[in-house]
Amino acid sequence: MIVLVRHGERADHCEIECQKILNQHDPHLTPKGCEQAQQAGKLILEEIEEYRLINIQSSPFLRCIMTAKNIAHQIKQEEVSINTEICETLYPYFFSSNPLPRLVVNKNRTLSYFSQITLIDQQMKEDNIYPEELEDVNNRIISYVQKLLEKIEDDQCIILVTHQRPLKSILEYFNQQTNDVGYCQVISIKKGESTQLEECKLTIY
């Protein structure tokens, strides 16, 4: 099974937390965002009882890593892999230059944000994605999820902690509504009779 989770509430959407941001392009989670992530972790824990192998992957953006960390604590996992294939949409409209090299995790991993969890770096070369358009993002996410489906074990669950656009890309692929993809929205994909994404079962929590 593959589980996709959007990150929790971001600090630049909170007047108090906004003053603590280290990198304006890479805000941390608010306390409310951490609570949202913990609740998502509890929900996921109920869904993964039958799975023996659990793997958590996170976008390299701080809000996703913090969400993944909170989920990991709820489901008794100690490792989070950092993966650019599920990162934020890298539109030139959002970022005037490639933000990946300047992300907090790529500048200083000694910060408390990254404590109590083991981070495994699986990032792609930083210049392989930026810049991109909507079609590029959709292709990136769909291709990556399809690749996971082709190699995932029946007793394995891979949790992808990502952003709003990747969840929308998956929901649109299954012709689902995308107007209410809120913070810490959770969806799951279970293999059908084949490993093809279109034959999988989508569940929205």
N, C-alpha and C. Protein backbone atom coordinates (compact mmCIF):
# COMPACT_ATOMS: atom_id res chain seq x y z
N MET A 1 0.85 -1.19 0.00
CA MET A 1 0.00 0.00 0.00
C MET A 1 0.89 1.25 0.00
N ILE A 2 0.45 2.26 -0.72
CA ILE A 2 1.11 3.55 -0.71
C ILE A 2 0.16 4.56 -0.07
N VAL A 3 0.67 5.32 0.89
CA VAL A 3 -0.11 6.35 1.56
C VAL A 3 0.51 7.70 1.24
N LEU A 4 -0.31 8.65 0.79
CA LEU A 4 0.17 10.01 0.56
C LEU A 4 -0.47 10.94 1.58
N VAL A 5 0.36 11.81 2.16
CA VAL A 5 -0.09 12.74 3.19
C VAL A 5 0.40 14.14 2.84
N ARG A 6 -0.50 15.10 2.89
CA ARG A 6 -0.06 16.49 2.76
C ARG A 6 0.50 16.94 4.11
N HIS A 7 1.45 17.85 4.09
CA HIS A 7 2.03 18.41 5.32
C HIS A 7 0.98 19.16 6.13
N GLY A 8 1.31 19.46 7.38
CA GLY A 8 0.43 20.23 8.25
C GLY A 8 0.54 21.73 8.03
N GLU A 9 -0.14 22.49 8.87
CA GLU A 9 -0.18 23.95 8.73
C GLU A 9 1.22 24.55 8.75
N ARG A 10 1.51 25.44 7.79
CA ARG A 10 2.84 26.02 7.62
C ARG A 10 2.94 27.36 8.34
N ALA A 11 4.15 27.68 8.79
CA ALA A 11 4.36 28.84 9.65
C ALA A 11 4.06 30.18 8.97
N ASP A 12 4.22 30.26 7.65
CA ASP A 12 3.96 31.54 6.99
C ASP A 12 2.46 31.83 6.85
N HIS A 13 1.63 30.92 7.35
CA HIS A 13 0.20 31.16 7.40
C HIS A 13 -0.27 31.45 8.83
N CYS A 14 0.70 31.74 9.70
CA CYS A 14 0.41 32.01 11.12
C CYS A 14 1.22 33.24 11.54
N GLU A 15 0.55 34.27 12.02
CA GLU A 15 1.22 35.54 12.32
C GLU A 15 2.33 35.39 13.34
N ILE A 16 2.12 34.59 14.36
CA ILE A 16 3.14 34.42 15.41
C ILE A 16 4.33 33.62 14.90
N GLU A 17 4.05 32.47 14.28
CA GLU A 17 5.13 31.60 13.81
C GLU A 17 5.89 32.19 12.63
N CYS A 18 5.25 33.09 11.92
CA CYS A 18 5.87 33.70 10.74
C CYS A 18 7.18 34.41 11.11
N GLN A 19 7.25 34.92 12.32
CA GLN A 19 8.43 35.66 12.77
C GLN A 19 9.62 34.75 13.05
N LYS A 20 9.41 33.44 13.12
CA LYS A 20 10.48 32.50 13.45
C LYS A 20 11.05 31.77 12.24
N ILE A 21 10.56 32.07 11.06
CA ILE A 21 10.96 31.35 9.86
C ILE A 21 12.42 31.61 9.52
N LEU A 22 13.16 30.55 9.26
CA LEU A 22 14.58 30.67 8.91
C LEU A 22 14.78 30.95 7.43
N ASN A 23 13.90 30.41 6.60
CA ASN A 23 13.99 30.55 5.15
C ASN A 23 12.57 30.75 4.64
N GLN A 24 12.31 31.90 4.05
CA GLN A 24 10.94 32.24 3.63
C GLN A 24 10.37 31.25 2.62
N HIS A 25 11.23 30.57 1.88
CA HIS A 25 10.77 29.57 0.93
C HIS A 25 10.61 28.18 1.57
N ASP A 26 10.96 28.07 2.86
CA ASP A 26 10.97 26.76 3.51
C ASP A 26 10.47 26.86 4.95
N PRO A 27 9.23 27.30 5.15
CA PRO A 27 8.71 27.49 6.51
C PRO A 27 8.51 26.18 7.26
N HIS A 28 8.62 26.28 8.58
CA HIS A 28 8.41 25.12 9.45
C HIS A 28 6.90 24.93 9.71
N LEU A 29 6.58 23.90 10.48
CA LEU A 29 5.18 23.69 10.89
C LEU A 29 4.84 24.55 12.09
N THR A 30 3.60 24.97 12.16
CA THR A 30 3.10 25.60 13.39
C THR A 30 2.82 24.50 14.42
N PRO A 31 2.63 24.88 15.70
CA PRO A 31 2.20 23.88 16.69
C PRO A 31 0.92 23.16 16.26
N LYS A 32 -0.01 23.91 15.65
CA LYS A 32 -1.23 23.28 15.14
C LYS A 32 -0.89 22.28 14.05
N GLY A 33 0.08 22.62 13.19
CA GLY A 33 0.50 21.71 12.13
C GLY A 33 1.08 20.42 12.70
N CYS A 34 1.82 20.54 13.80
CA CYS A 34 2.37 19.34 14.44
C CYS A 34 1.25 18.46 14.99
N GLU A 35 0.23 19.09 15.56
CA GLU A 35 -0.92 18.33 16.06
C GLU A 35 -1.65 17.64 14.91
N GLN A 36 -1.80 18.34 13.79
CA GLN A 36 -2.44 17.73 12.62
C GLN A 36 -1.66 16.51 12.15
N ALA A 37 -0.33 16.61 12.16
CA ALA A 37 0.52 15.49 11.74
C ALA A 37 0.39 14.31 12.69
N GLN A 38 0.29 14.61 13.98
CA GLN A 38 0.12 13.54 14.97
C GLN A 38 -1.20 12.81 14.76
N GLN A 39 -2.25 13.57 14.47
CA GLN A 39 -3.54 12.95 14.20
C GLN A 39 -3.50 12.10 12.94
N ALA A 40 -2.80 12.61 11.92
CA ALA A 40 -2.65 11.81 10.70
C ALA A 40 -1.90 10.52 11.00
N GLY A 41 -0.88 10.61 11.87
CA GLY A 41 -0.14 9.42 12.25
C GLY A 41 -1.01 8.39 12.95
N LYS A 42 -1.90 8.85 13.80
CA LYS A 42 -2.80 7.92 14.49
C LYS A 42 -3.75 7.25 13.51
N LEU A 43 -4.23 8.01 12.54
CA LEU A 43 -5.11 7.45 11.52
C LEU A 43 -4.36 6.40 10.70
N ILE A 44 -3.14 6.74 10.29
CA ILE A 44 -2.33 5.82 9.48
C ILE A 44 -2.02 4.56 10.26
N LEU A 45 -1.75 4.70 11.55
CA LEU A 45 -1.43 3.54 12.38
C LEU A 45 -2.54 2.49 12.33
N GLU A 46 -3.79 2.93 12.31
CA GLU A 46 -4.92 2.01 12.24
C GLU A 46 -4.98 1.29 10.91
N GLU A 47 -4.45 1.92 9.85
CA GLU A 47 -4.54 1.36 8.51
C GLU A 47 -3.38 0.44 8.15
N ILE A 48 -2.30 0.46 8.92
CA ILE A 48 -1.10 -0.27 8.52
C ILE A 48 -0.80 -1.48 9.40
N GLU A 49 -1.75 -1.88 10.23
CA GLU A 49 -1.51 -2.98 11.16
C GLU A 49 -1.11 -4.27 10.46
N GLU A 50 -1.64 -4.49 9.26
CA GLU A 50 -1.36 -5.74 8.55
C GLU A 50 -0.05 -5.71 7.78
N TYR A 51 0.62 -4.57 7.77
CA TYR A 51 1.85 -4.44 6.97
C TYR A 51 3.09 -4.61 7.85
N ARG A 52 4.01 -5.43 7.37
CA ARG A 52 5.22 -5.73 8.14
C ARG A 52 6.34 -4.74 7.87
N LEU A 53 6.43 -4.26 6.64
CA LEU A 53 7.50 -3.34 6.25
C LEU A 53 6.93 -1.94 6.06
N ILE A 54 7.42 -0.98 6.83
CA ILE A 54 6.93 0.39 6.76
C ILE A 54 8.10 1.30 6.38
N ASN A 55 7.88 2.12 5.37
CA ASN A 55 8.90 3.06 4.91
C ASN A 55 8.28 4.44 4.78
N ILE A 56 8.90 5.44 5.39
CA ILE A 56 8.41 6.81 5.31
C ILE A 56 9.35 7.62 4.43
N GLN A 57 8.78 8.30 3.44
CA GLN A 57 9.55 9.19 2.59
C GLN A 57 8.97 10.60 2.70
N SER A 58 9.84 11.60 2.68
CA SER A 58 9.39 12.97 2.82
C SER A 58 10.01 13.86 1.75
N SER A 59 9.22 14.82 1.30
CA SER A 59 9.77 15.93 0.52
C SER A 59 10.86 16.60 1.37
N PRO A 60 11.87 17.20 0.75
CA PRO A 60 12.93 17.85 1.52
C PRO A 60 12.53 19.18 2.15
N PHE A 61 11.34 19.68 1.87
CA PHE A 61 10.90 20.93 2.49
C PHE A 61 10.60 20.68 3.97
N LEU A 62 10.97 21.66 4.80
CA LEU A 62 10.93 21.49 6.25
C LEU A 62 9.56 21.10 6.78
N ARG A 63 8.51 21.70 6.24
CA ARG A 63 7.16 21.40 6.73
C ARG A 63 6.80 19.94 6.52
N CYS A 64 7.33 19.33 5.46
CA CYS A 64 7.07 17.91 5.22
C CYS A 64 7.92 17.03 6.13
N ILE A 65 9.17 17.40 6.32
CA ILE A 65 10.03 16.61 7.21
C ILE A 65 9.47 16.61 8.63
N MET A 66 9.01 17.77 9.08
CA MET A 66 8.42 17.84 10.43
C MET A 66 7.13 17.02 10.51
N THR A 67 6.33 17.05 9.46
CA THR A 67 5.12 16.22 9.42
C THR A 67 5.49 14.75 9.46
N ALA A 68 6.48 14.37 8.67
CA ALA A 68 6.93 12.97 8.63
C ALA A 68 7.46 12.53 9.99
N LYS A 69 8.18 13.41 10.65
CA LYS A 69 8.73 13.11 11.98
C LYS A 69 7.60 12.83 12.97
N ASN A 70 6.57 13.67 12.96
CA ASN A 70 5.45 13.46 13.87
C ASN A 70 4.69 12.18 13.55
N ILE A 71 4.53 11.88 12.28
CA ILE A 71 3.89 10.63 11.89
C ILE A 71 4.74 9.45 12.33
N ALA A 72 6.05 9.54 12.11
CA ALA A 72 6.96 8.45 12.49
C ALA A 72 6.85 8.13 13.97
N HIS A 73 6.77 9.15 14.80
CA HIS A 73 6.65 8.92 16.24
C HIS A 73 5.36 8.19 16.58
N GLN A 74 4.28 8.51 15.87
CA GLN A 74 2.99 7.88 16.15
C GLN A 74 2.98 6.41 15.73
N ILE A 75 3.71 6.07 14.69
CA ILE A 75 3.67 4.69 14.17
C ILE A 75 4.94 3.91 14.53
N LYS A 76 5.71 4.48 15.48
CA LYS A 76 6.89 3.79 16.04
C LYS A 76 7.95 3.48 14.98
N GLN A 77 8.23 4.47 14.14
CA GLN A 77 9.31 4.36 13.17
C GLN A 77 10.40 5.36 13.51
N GLU A 78 11.63 5.04 13.11
CA GLU A 78 12.78 5.88 13.49
C GLU A 78 13.48 6.51 12.30
N GLU A 79 13.10 6.17 11.07
CA GLU A 79 13.78 6.67 9.90
C GLU A 79 12.82 7.35 8.94
N VAL A 80 13.33 8.40 8.30
CA VAL A 80 12.59 9.10 7.25
C VAL A 80 13.56 9.34 6.10
N SER A 81 13.18 8.91 4.91
CA SER A 81 14.00 9.15 3.72
C SER A 81 13.58 10.47 3.08
N ILE A 82 14.55 11.28 2.68
CA ILE A 82 14.28 12.56 2.03
C ILE A 82 14.35 12.36 0.52
N ASN A 83 13.28 12.72 -0.16
CA ASN A 83 13.16 12.39 -1.58
C ASN A 83 12.63 13.59 -2.37
N THR A 84 13.41 14.09 -3.31
CA THR A 84 12.98 15.24 -4.11
C THR A 84 11.89 14.89 -5.12
N GLU A 85 11.68 13.63 -5.41
CA GLU A 85 10.66 13.26 -6.40
C GLU A 85 9.25 13.56 -5.90
N ILE A 86 9.10 13.79 -4.60
CA ILE A 86 7.79 14.14 -4.06
C ILE A 86 7.80 15.55 -3.47
N CYS A 87 8.71 16.38 -3.98
CA CYS A 87 8.87 17.72 -3.42
C CYS A 87 7.80 18.69 -3.92
N GLU A 88 7.88 19.90 -3.42
CA GLU A 88 6.96 20.97 -3.80
C GLU A 88 7.02 21.22 -5.31
N THR A 89 5.95 21.79 -5.83
CA THR A 89 5.92 22.21 -7.22
C THR A 89 6.94 23.33 -7.43
N LEU A 90 7.87 23.14 -8.34
CA LEU A 90 8.94 24.12 -8.53
C LEU A 90 8.64 25.04 -9.71
N TYR A 91 7.53 25.77 -9.60
CA TYR A 91 7.17 26.73 -10.62
C TYR A 91 8.10 27.95 -10.55
N PRO A 92 8.54 28.48 -11.67
CA PRO A 92 9.28 29.75 -11.66
C PRO A 92 8.46 30.89 -11.06
N TYR A 93 7.13 30.77 -11.14
CA TYR A 93 6.25 31.77 -10.54
C TYR A 93 6.42 31.80 -9.02
N PHE A 94 6.66 30.63 -8.41
CA PHE A 94 6.84 30.54 -6.96
C PHE A 94 8.28 30.85 -6.56
N PHE A 95 9.23 30.36 -7.35
CA PHE A 95 10.65 30.45 -7.01
C PHE A 95 11.42 31.06 -8.18
N SER A 96 12.10 32.17 -7.92
CA SER A 96 12.87 32.83 -8.98
C SER A 96 14.13 32.06 -9.34
N SER A 97 14.55 31.16 -8.45
CA SER A 97 15.68 30.28 -8.72
C SER A 97 15.43 28.97 -8.00
N ASN A 98 16.25 27.97 -8.26
CA ASN A 98 16.06 26.65 -7.65
C ASN A 98 16.17 26.75 -6.13
N PRO A 99 15.10 26.44 -5.37
CA PRO A 99 15.15 26.56 -3.91
C PRO A 99 15.81 25.38 -3.21
N LEU A 100 15.97 24.27 -3.90
CA LEU A 100 16.40 23.04 -3.23
C LEU A 100 17.75 23.16 -2.51
N PRO A 101 18.77 23.75 -3.11
CA PRO A 101 20.05 23.84 -2.39
C PRO A 101 19.97 24.67 -1.11
N ARG A 102 19.00 25.59 -1.03
CA ARG A 102 18.92 26.50 0.10
C ARG A 102 17.94 26.03 1.18
N LEU A 103 17.31 24.88 1.00
CA LEU A 103 16.37 24.39 2.01
C LEU A 103 17.09 24.17 3.34
N VAL A 104 16.34 24.31 4.42
CA VAL A 104 16.92 24.22 5.76
C VAL A 104 17.66 22.90 5.95
N VAL A 105 17.08 21.79 5.47
CA VAL A 105 17.70 20.48 5.66
C VAL A 105 19.03 20.37 4.92
N ASN A 106 19.18 21.12 3.85
CA ASN A 106 20.42 21.09 3.08
C ASN A 106 21.44 22.13 3.54
N LYS A 107 21.05 22.93 4.53
CA LYS A 107 21.95 23.94 5.08
C LYS A 107 22.44 23.58 6.49
N ASN A 108 21.53 23.06 7.32
CA ASN A 108 21.91 22.80 8.71
C ASN A 108 21.03 21.71 9.31
N ARG A 109 21.53 20.49 9.34
CA ARG A 109 20.76 19.36 9.89
C ARG A 109 20.95 19.18 11.39
N THR A 110 21.67 20.10 12.02
CA THR A 110 21.87 20.00 13.47
C THR A 110 20.75 20.68 14.24
N LEU A 111 19.83 21.33 13.55
CA LEU A 111 18.74 22.04 14.21
C LEU A 111 17.78 21.04 14.89
N SER A 112 17.08 21.52 15.90
CA SER A 112 16.18 20.65 16.66
C SER A 112 15.05 20.08 15.80
N TYR A 113 14.74 20.74 14.68
CA TYR A 113 13.72 20.23 13.78
C TYR A 113 14.01 18.79 13.35
N PHE A 114 15.29 18.44 13.29
CA PHE A 114 15.70 17.14 12.74
C PHE A 114 16.16 16.15 13.82
N SER A 115 15.97 16.52 15.09
CA SER A 115 16.37 15.63 16.18
C SER A 115 15.37 14.51 16.36
N GLN A 116 15.79 13.46 17.02
CA GLN A 116 14.94 12.32 17.38
C GLN A 116 14.40 11.56 16.17
N ILE A 117 15.06 11.71 15.06
CA ILE A 117 14.70 10.95 13.86
C ILE A 117 15.97 10.77 13.02
N THR A 118 16.08 9.65 12.34
CA THR A 118 17.20 9.43 11.43
C THR A 118 16.78 9.78 10.02
N LEU A 119 17.48 10.72 9.41
CA LEU A 119 17.17 11.15 8.05
C LEU A 119 18.10 10.43 7.07
N ILE A 120 17.51 9.83 6.05
CA ILE A 120 18.26 9.15 5.01
C ILE A 120 18.12 9.98 3.73
N ASP A 121 19.23 10.47 3.23
CA ASP A 121 19.19 11.38 2.09
C ASP A 121 19.11 10.60 0.78
N GLN A 122 17.98 10.71 0.09
CA GLN A 122 17.80 10.09 -1.21
C GLN A 122 17.41 11.15 -2.26
N GLN A 123 17.90 12.37 -2.07
CA GLN A 123 17.56 13.44 -2.98
C GLN A 123 18.23 13.26 -4.33
N MET A 124 17.50 13.67 -5.36
CA MET A 124 18.06 13.69 -6.70
C MET A 124 19.02 14.86 -6.82
N LYS A 125 19.78 14.91 -7.91
CA LYS A 125 20.60 16.08 -8.15
C LYS A 125 19.70 17.32 -8.20
N GLU A 126 20.13 18.37 -7.54
CA GLU A 126 19.27 19.52 -7.33
C GLU A 126 18.84 20.23 -8.61
N ASP A 127 19.56 20.02 -9.68
CA ASP A 127 19.22 20.72 -10.92
C ASP A 127 18.38 19.86 -11.87
N ASN A 128 17.89 18.72 -11.37
CA ASN A 128 17.16 17.81 -12.25
C ASN A 128 15.67 18.16 -12.38
N ILE A 129 15.15 19.01 -11.51
CA ILE A 129 13.71 19.29 -11.51
C ILE A 129 13.40 20.73 -11.91
N TYR A 130 14.01 21.69 -11.26
CA TYR A 130 13.70 23.10 -11.50
C TYR A 130 14.22 23.55 -12.86
N PRO A 131 13.44 24.38 -13.58
CA PRO A 131 12.05 24.78 -13.31
C PRO A 131 11.08 23.78 -13.94
N GLU A 132 9.85 23.81 -13.48
CA GLU A 132 8.86 22.90 -14.04
C GLU A 132 7.50 23.57 -14.17
N GLU A 133 6.66 22.99 -15.03
CA GLU A 133 5.29 23.44 -15.23
C GLU A 133 4.34 22.37 -14.68
N LEU A 134 3.05 22.66 -14.73
CA LEU A 134 2.06 21.75 -14.15
C LEU A 134 2.17 20.35 -14.74
N GLU A 135 2.32 20.24 -16.04
CA GLU A 135 2.43 18.92 -16.66
C GLU A 135 3.65 18.16 -16.15
N ASP A 136 4.74 18.89 -15.91
CA ASP A 136 5.95 18.25 -15.37
C ASP A 136 5.70 17.69 -13.99
N VAL A 137 5.00 18.46 -13.16
CA VAL A 137 4.70 18.01 -11.80
C VAL A 137 3.83 16.75 -11.83
N ASN A 138 2.77 16.81 -12.61
CA ASN A 138 1.89 15.65 -12.71
C ASN A 138 2.65 14.41 -13.16
N ASN A 139 3.48 14.57 -14.18
CA ASN A 139 4.26 13.44 -14.67
C ASN A 139 5.24 12.92 -13.62
N ARG A 140 5.84 13.85 -12.90
CA ARG A 140 6.81 13.46 -11.86
C ARG A 140 6.16 12.59 -10.78
N ILE A 141 5.02 13.04 -10.30
CA ILE A 141 4.35 12.32 -9.22
C ILE A 141 3.76 10.99 -9.69
N ILE A 142 3.03 11.04 -10.80
CA ILE A 142 2.40 9.82 -11.30
C ILE A 142 3.47 8.78 -11.64
N SER A 143 4.54 9.19 -12.27
CA SER A 143 5.61 8.25 -12.64
C SER A 143 6.25 7.64 -11.41
N TYR A 144 6.45 8.46 -10.38
CA TYR A 144 7.09 7.93 -9.18
C TYR A 144 6.19 6.93 -8.45
N VAL A 145 4.91 7.27 -8.31
CA VAL A 145 3.98 6.35 -7.65
C VAL A 145 3.87 5.04 -8.45
N GLN A 146 3.82 5.15 -9.77
CA GLN A 146 3.77 3.95 -10.61
C GLN A 146 5.02 3.09 -10.40
N LYS A 147 6.17 3.72 -10.32
CA LYS A 147 7.42 3.00 -10.09
C LYS A 147 7.40 2.27 -8.75
N LEU A 148 6.86 2.92 -7.73
CA LEU A 148 6.75 2.27 -6.42
C LEU A 148 5.82 1.07 -6.47
N LEU A 149 4.70 1.22 -7.17
CA LEU A 149 3.74 0.12 -7.27
C LEU A 149 4.35 -1.12 -7.91
N GLU A 150 5.26 -0.92 -8.83
CA GLU A 150 5.85 -2.03 -9.55
C GLU A 150 6.85 -2.82 -8.71
N LYS A 151 7.33 -2.23 -7.63
CA LYS A 151 8.34 -2.94 -6.83
C LYS A 151 7.94 -3.16 -5.37
N ILE A 152 6.81 -2.59 -4.95
CA ILE A 152 6.41 -2.70 -3.56
C ILE A 152 6.00 -4.13 -3.22
N GLU A 153 6.35 -4.59 -2.03
CA GLU A 153 5.97 -5.92 -1.57
C GLU A 153 4.53 -5.90 -1.04
N ASP A 154 3.89 -7.07 -1.03
CA ASP A 154 2.50 -7.14 -0.58
C ASP A 154 2.36 -6.76 0.90
N ASP A 155 3.40 -7.00 1.70
CA ASP A 155 3.33 -6.67 3.12
C ASP A 155 4.06 -5.38 3.46
N GLN A 156 4.21 -4.52 2.45
CA GLN A 156 4.93 -3.27 2.63
C GLN A 156 4.01 -2.07 2.46
N CYS A 157 4.21 -1.06 3.29
CA CYS A 157 3.50 0.21 3.17
C CYS A 157 4.53 1.33 3.05
N ILE A 158 4.40 2.13 2.01
CA ILE A 158 5.27 3.29 1.81
C ILE A 158 4.44 4.54 2.02
N ILE A 159 4.87 5.37 2.95
CA ILE A 159 4.17 6.60 3.29
C ILE A 159 4.93 7.78 2.67
N LEU A 160 4.26 8.55 1.82
CA LEU A 160 4.86 9.68 1.14
C LEU A 160 4.30 10.97 1.75
N VAL A 161 5.16 11.73 2.41
CA VAL A 161 4.74 12.99 3.02
C VAL A 161 5.13 14.11 2.05
N THR A 162 4.13 14.78 1.52
CA THR A 162 4.37 15.65 0.39
C THR A 162 3.52 16.92 0.49
N HIS A 163 3.15 17.47 -0.65
CA HIS A 163 2.48 18.77 -0.73
C HIS A 163 1.10 18.63 -1.37
N GLN A 164 0.39 19.73 -1.43
CA GLN A 164 -0.98 19.70 -1.95
C GLN A 164 -1.03 19.24 -3.41
N ARG A 165 -0.15 19.77 -4.25
CA ARG A 165 -0.22 19.45 -5.68
C ARG A 165 -0.05 17.96 -5.96
N PRO A 166 0.89 17.25 -5.35
CA PRO A 166 0.98 15.81 -5.61
C PRO A 166 -0.30 15.05 -5.25
N LEU A 167 -0.95 15.42 -4.14
CA LEU A 167 -2.21 14.76 -3.81
C LEU A 167 -3.27 15.08 -4.86
N LYS A 168 -3.31 16.33 -5.31
CA LYS A 168 -4.26 16.69 -6.35
C LYS A 168 -3.99 15.93 -7.64
N SER A 169 -2.72 15.75 -7.97
CA SER A 169 -2.37 15.01 -9.19
C SER A 169 -2.91 13.59 -9.15
N ILE A 170 -2.78 12.95 -7.99
CA ILE A 170 -3.29 11.58 -7.84
C ILE A 170 -4.82 11.57 -7.89
N LEU A 171 -5.44 12.49 -7.18
CA LEU A 171 -6.91 12.53 -7.16
C LEU A 171 -7.47 12.82 -8.55
N GLU A 172 -6.84 13.73 -9.27
CA GLU A 172 -7.28 14.02 -10.63
C GLU A 172 -7.12 12.80 -11.54
N TYR A 173 -6.08 12.04 -11.31
CA TYR A 173 -5.85 10.82 -12.10
C TYR A 173 -7.03 9.86 -11.94
N PHE A 174 -7.60 9.85 -10.72
CA PHE A 174 -8.75 8.97 -10.43
C PHE A 174 -10.09 9.71 -10.56
N ASN A 175 -10.06 10.88 -11.18
CA ASN A 175 -11.28 11.67 -11.44
C ASN A 175 -12.03 12.03 -10.16
N GLN A 176 -11.27 12.38 -9.11
CA GLN A 176 -11.85 12.78 -7.84
C GLN A 176 -11.80 14.29 -7.68
N GLN A 177 -12.67 14.81 -6.81
CA GLN A 177 -12.68 16.23 -6.51
C GLN A 177 -11.39 16.63 -5.77
N THR A 178 -10.89 17.82 -6.06
CA THR A 178 -9.63 18.26 -5.43
C THR A 178 -9.78 19.60 -4.71
N ASN A 179 -11.01 20.03 -4.48
CA ASN A 179 -11.22 21.36 -3.87
C ASN A 179 -10.88 21.41 -2.39
N ASP A 180 -10.90 20.27 -1.73
CA ASP A 180 -10.75 20.28 -0.27
C ASP A 180 -9.56 19.45 0.20
N VAL A 181 -8.42 19.57 -0.50
CA VAL A 181 -7.20 18.87 -0.07
C VAL A 181 -6.55 19.74 1.00
N GLY A 182 -6.95 19.52 2.26
CA GLY A 182 -6.48 20.35 3.36
C GLY A 182 -5.19 19.83 3.97
N TYR A 183 -4.74 20.53 5.01
CA TYR A 183 -3.54 20.10 5.71
C TYR A 183 -3.69 18.68 6.26
N CYS A 184 -2.66 17.90 6.07
CA CYS A 184 -2.59 16.51 6.54
C CYS A 184 -3.71 15.63 5.97
N GLN A 185 -4.22 15.98 4.79
CA GLN A 185 -5.12 15.09 4.06
C GLN A 185 -4.38 13.78 3.79
N VAL A 186 -5.07 12.66 3.94
CA VAL A 186 -4.48 11.34 3.74
C VAL A 186 -5.25 10.59 2.67
N ILE A 187 -4.53 10.02 1.71
CA ILE A 187 -5.14 9.11 0.75
C ILE A 187 -4.27 7.87 0.64
N SER A 188 -4.86 6.75 0.26
CA SER A 188 -4.06 5.53 0.10
C SER A 188 -4.36 4.88 -1.24
N ILE A 189 -3.37 4.14 -1.72
CA ILE A 189 -3.48 3.43 -2.99
C ILE A 189 -3.10 1.97 -2.74
N LYS A 190 -4.01 1.07 -3.01
CA LYS A 190 -3.75 -0.36 -2.85
C LYS A 190 -3.73 -1.04 -4.21
N LYS A 191 -2.76 -1.90 -4.41
CA LYS A 191 -2.64 -2.60 -5.69
C LYS A 191 -3.87 -3.45 -5.97
N GLY A 192 -4.25 -3.45 -7.23
CA GLY A 192 -5.34 -4.30 -7.67
C GLY A 192 -4.77 -5.61 -8.20
N GLU A 193 -5.39 -6.14 -9.25
CA GLU A 193 -4.92 -7.40 -9.82
C GLU A 193 -3.59 -7.22 -10.55
N SER A 194 -3.28 -5.99 -10.93
CA SER A 194 -1.99 -5.70 -11.55
C SER A 194 -1.35 -4.54 -10.82
N THR A 195 -0.15 -4.16 -11.23
CA THR A 195 0.55 -3.06 -10.58
C THR A 195 0.27 -1.72 -11.26
N GLN A 196 -0.62 -1.70 -12.25
CA GLN A 196 -0.91 -0.46 -12.95
C GLN A 196 -1.76 0.46 -12.08
N LEU A 197 -1.38 1.71 -12.03
CA LEU A 197 -2.06 2.67 -11.14
C LEU A 197 -3.55 2.74 -11.39
N GLU A 198 -3.95 2.70 -12.66
CA GLU A 198 -5.37 2.85 -12.97
C GLU A 198 -6.22 1.69 -12.45
N GLU A 199 -5.59 0.57 -12.10
CA GLU A 199 -6.32 -0.58 -11.58
C GLU A 199 -6.24 -0.68 -10.05
N CYS A 200 -5.67 0.32 -9.43
CA CYS A 200 -5.53 0.31 -7.97
C CYS A 200 -6.78 0.86 -7.30
N LYS A 201 -6.90 0.58 -6.02
CA LYS A 201 -8.01 1.11 -5.22
C LYS A 201 -7.56 2.35 -4.49
N LEU A 202 -8.26 3.46 -4.71
CA LEU A 202 -7.97 4.72 -4.04
C LEU A 202 -8.93 4.91 -2.86
N THR A 203 -8.37 5.26 -1.71
CA THR A 203 -9.19 5.55 -0.54
C THR A 203 -8.84 6.95 -0.03
N ILE A 204 -9.86 7.76 0.20
CA ILE A 204 -9.69 9.12 0.73
C ILE A 204 -10.16 9.12 2.17
N TYR A 205 -9.31 9.54 3.09
CA TYR A 205 -9.67 9.50 4.50
C TYR A 205 -10.17 10.86 5.00
